Amino acid sequence: YAVIEGVMEYDGDEDAGIRCWEAGHAGYNANSYSSTSRWSNSLAAAVEPDVAFVALGLNDFAASATFSPTAFKANLANIVTKIRAANPECLIAVVNSYERGDVTSPTHPWEAYVTAMAELVAGDDKAVLIDTNGRLLGWNLVDPEYRTVWDADKIHVSPAGHGVIANAVLGTLDRP
């Protein structure tokens, strides 16, 4: 069980920099965040982010018999509502991740989860979709010579994969 919470990097003072809250919960899915307010309460009380990243879907897909794309989208919408309640001006960046390579017989295809994320942000001027799926694809879709972006577990990405994700984030947020 892994929990990373409260990572701070300051740029001269405590009102600037990068803050990572509620990241790195092993096995969490959209329902895990949708069904609790602990994280959103700390978001409202402790920080006023300019951007909130929501990178979910991998574990929902892995348990697709339990968490359908429809349920995933509803949980994601609830998460967005909680973020907006804490900070109405915050840009919400939904990261569509990539298809896990360890899921061999999903009940629902990965593309249905990607579509749910795209539908959620469509027409919302305070939300963007960061397309890492189109850059990384999935373990099973990539030629073996390009698998250096993946960890051996077929779920997580390597440092090179994190570089691809960083470029996707910068490419999306660096728009006028």
Protein backbone atom coordinates (compact mmCIF):
# COMPACT_ATOMS: atom_id res chain seq x y z
CA TYR A 1 0.00 0.00 0.00
CA ALA A 2 1.53 3.28 -1.08
CA VAL A 3 0.45 6.78 -0.11
CA ILE A 4 2.14 9.92 -1.31
CA GLU A 5 0.58 13.04 0.14
CA GLY A 6 1.73 16.55 0.73
CA VAL A 7 4.79 16.64 -1.53
CA MET A 8 5.81 20.26 -1.88
CA GLU A 9 8.27 22.05 -4.12
CA TYR A 10 8.49 25.77 -3.52
CA ASP A 11 9.78 28.45 -5.83
CA GLY A 12 10.88 31.05 -3.34
CA ASP A 13 7.81 31.03 -1.10
CA GLU A 14 4.96 28.82 0.00
CA ASP A 15 2.48 30.44 -2.39
CA ALA A 16 4.19 29.15 -5.53
CA GLY A 17 5.51 25.89 -6.90
CA ILE A 18 4.20 22.39 -7.40
CA ARG A 19 2.13 20.54 -4.82
CA CYS A 20 1.09 16.93 -5.05
CA TRP A 21 -1.86 15.91 -2.89
CA GLU A 22 -3.44 12.47 -2.67
CA ALA A 23 -1.25 10.79 -5.25
CA GLY A 24 0.04 7.27 -5.43
CA HIS A 25 -2.60 5.14 -3.72
CA ALA A 26 -1.97 1.58 -4.89
CA GLY A 27 -5.10 0.02 -6.32
CA TYR A 28 -7.30 3.13 -6.04
CA ASN A 29 -9.83 3.79 -8.77
CA ALA A 30 -12.28 6.59 -9.49
CA ASN A 31 -14.79 5.15 -7.03
CA SER A 32 -12.14 5.28 -4.28
CA TYR A 33 -11.93 9.06 -4.64
CA SER A 34 -15.57 9.64 -5.52
CA SER A 35 -16.81 7.92 -2.38
CA THR A 36 -14.80 10.04 0.10
CA SER A 37 -14.35 13.74 0.79
CA ARG A 38 -11.14 13.52 2.83
CA TRP A 39 -8.96 14.57 -0.11
CA SER A 40 -11.29 17.32 -1.30
CA ASN A 41 -11.59 18.75 2.20
CA SER A 42 -7.80 19.06 2.40
CA LEU A 43 -7.79 20.57 -1.09
CA ALA A 44 -10.20 23.30 0.04
CA ALA A 45 -8.48 23.93 3.37
CA ALA A 46 -4.82 23.66 2.46
CA VAL A 47 -4.32 24.75 -1.13
CA GLU A 48 -5.93 26.73 -3.89
CA PRO A 49 -4.55 25.01 -6.99
CA ASP A 50 -4.45 26.58 -10.41
CA VAL A 51 -4.57 23.10 -11.97
CA ALA A 52 -5.84 19.83 -10.53
CA PHE A 53 -4.71 16.69 -12.33
CA VAL A 54 -7.04 13.71 -12.33
CA ALA A 55 -5.20 10.65 -13.61
CA LEU A 56 -7.51 7.71 -13.10
CA GLY A 57 -8.90 4.89 -15.18
CA LEU A 58 -6.14 2.28 -15.15
CA ASN A 59 -7.48 0.43 -12.12
CA ASP A 60 -11.09 0.92 -13.22
CA PHE A 61 -10.18 -0.78 -16.51
CA ALA A 62 -8.39 -3.60 -14.68
CA ALA A 63 -11.58 -4.24 -12.68
CA SER A 64 -13.91 -3.49 -15.59
CA ALA A 65 -16.38 -6.19 -14.54
CA THR A 66 -16.98 -4.12 -11.39
CA PHE A 67 -16.33 -0.60 -12.69
CA SER A 68 -17.91 -0.12 -16.11
CA PRO A 69 -17.07 2.90 -18.28
CA THR A 70 -20.46 4.36 -17.31
CA ALA A 71 -19.73 4.00 -13.58
CA PHE A 72 -16.21 5.35 -14.16
CA LYS A 73 -17.57 8.45 -15.89
CA ALA A 74 -20.11 9.05 -13.09
CA ASN A 75 -17.36 8.72 -10.45
CA LEU A 76 -15.10 11.04 -12.44
CA ALA A 77 -17.90 13.61 -12.72
CA ASN A 78 -18.35 13.45 -8.94
CA ILE A 79 -14.62 14.04 -8.44
CA VAL A 80 -14.75 17.06 -10.76
CA THR A 81 -17.73 18.41 -8.79
CA LYS A 82 -15.77 18.07 -5.52
CA ILE A 83 -12.75 19.86 -7.01
CA ARG A 84 -14.97 22.67 -8.30
CA ALA A 85 -16.65 23.01 -4.90
CA ALA A 86 -13.21 23.47 -3.33
CA ASN A 87 -11.96 25.86 -6.01
CA PRO A 88 -14.34 26.96 -8.79
CA GLU A 89 -11.57 28.63 -10.82
CA CYS A 90 -9.26 25.63 -10.89
CA LEU A 91 -8.44 24.13 -14.29
CA ILE A 92 -9.09 20.40 -14.22
CA ALA A 93 -6.67 18.35 -16.29
CA VAL A 94 -7.98 14.84 -16.93
CA VAL A 95 -5.15 12.51 -17.96
CA ASN A 96 -6.37 9.63 -20.11
CA SER A 97 -3.38 7.42 -19.33
CA TYR A 98 -2.78 4.31 -21.43
CA GLU A 99 -3.99 0.74 -21.68
CA ARG A 100 -2.55 -1.57 -19.04
CA GLY A 101 -0.65 -4.51 -20.47
CA ASP A 102 -1.51 -6.93 -17.67
CA VAL A 103 -5.26 -6.97 -18.40
CA THR A 104 -5.81 -9.84 -20.79
CA SER A 105 -9.61 -10.23 -20.83
CA PRO A 106 -11.32 -6.95 -19.93
CA THR A 107 -15.09 -6.82 -19.71
CA HIS A 108 -15.03 -3.42 -21.41
CA PRO A 109 -12.43 -2.12 -23.88
CA TRP A 110 -9.94 0.53 -22.78
CA GLU A 111 -11.21 2.85 -25.50
CA ALA A 112 -14.58 3.07 -23.67
CA TYR A 113 -12.79 4.57 -20.64
CA VAL A 114 -10.86 6.98 -22.88
CA THR A 115 -14.17 8.03 -24.49
CA ALA A 116 -15.75 8.57 -21.05
CA MET A 117 -12.91 10.96 -20.12
CA ALA A 118 -13.17 12.85 -23.41
CA GLU A 119 -16.94 13.20 -23.04
CA LEU A 120 -16.55 14.51 -19.50
CA VAL A 121 -14.28 17.42 -20.50
CA ALA A 122 -15.98 18.19 -23.83
CA GLY A 123 -17.43 21.69 -23.82
CA ASP A 124 -16.02 22.52 -20.38
CA ASP A 125 -13.80 25.60 -20.70
CA LYS A 126 -12.20 24.87 -17.30
CA ALA A 127 -11.21 21.30 -18.13
CA VAL A 128 -8.73 19.77 -20.56
CA LEU A 129 -7.92 16.25 -21.64
CA ILE A 130 -4.24 15.37 -21.57
CA ASP A 131 -3.73 12.64 -24.13
CA THR A 132 -1.05 10.28 -22.94
CA ASN A 133 -2.97 7.35 -24.42
CA GLY A 134 -2.24 8.57 -27.94
CA ARG A 135 1.45 8.96 -27.11
CA LEU A 136 2.10 5.79 -25.12
CA LEU A 137 -0.61 3.47 -26.44
CA GLY A 138 -0.49 0.30 -24.40
CA TRP A 139 1.94 -2.52 -23.81
CA ASN A 140 0.03 -4.85 -26.11
CA LEU A 141 -0.21 -2.24 -28.89
CA VAL A 142 3.42 -1.20 -29.01
CA ASP A 143 6.14 -2.87 -31.05
CA PRO A 144 8.65 -4.54 -28.71
CA GLU A 145 11.45 -2.09 -29.56
CA TYR A 146 9.32 0.78 -28.17
CA ARG A 147 8.53 -0.91 -24.86
CA THR A 148 11.37 0.96 -23.13
CA VAL A 149 8.71 3.41 -21.93
CA TRP A 150 7.19 0.61 -19.82
CA ASP A 151 8.11 -1.06 -16.56
CA ALA A 152 8.32 -4.86 -16.65
CA ASP A 153 4.98 -5.10 -14.78
CA LYS A 154 3.18 -3.81 -17.92
CA ILE A 155 1.26 -1.33 -15.74
CA HIS A 156 3.66 1.45 -14.82
CA VAL A 157 5.92 3.52 -17.01
CA SER A 158 9.70 3.84 -16.87
CA PRO A 159 11.53 7.16 -16.50
CA ALA A 160 11.37 7.43 -20.30
CA GLY A 161 7.61 6.90 -20.11
CA HIS A 162 7.31 9.65 -17.51
CA GLY A 163 9.13 11.90 -19.98
CA VAL A 164 6.46 11.12 -22.59
CA ILE A 165 3.75 11.97 -20.06
CA ALA A 166 5.51 15.23 -19.10
CA ASN A 167 5.66 16.21 -22.77
CA ALA A 168 1.93 15.48 -23.14
CA VAL A 169 1.16 17.66 -20.10
CA LEU A 170 3.34 20.51 -21.32
CA GLY A 171 1.99 20.21 -24.85
CA THR A 172 -1.58 20.52 -23.58
CA LEU A 173 -1.12 23.22 -20.93
CA ASP A 174 1.20 25.36 -23.02
CA ARG A 175 -1.66 26.45 -25.27
CA PRO A 176 -2.88 30.05 -25.38
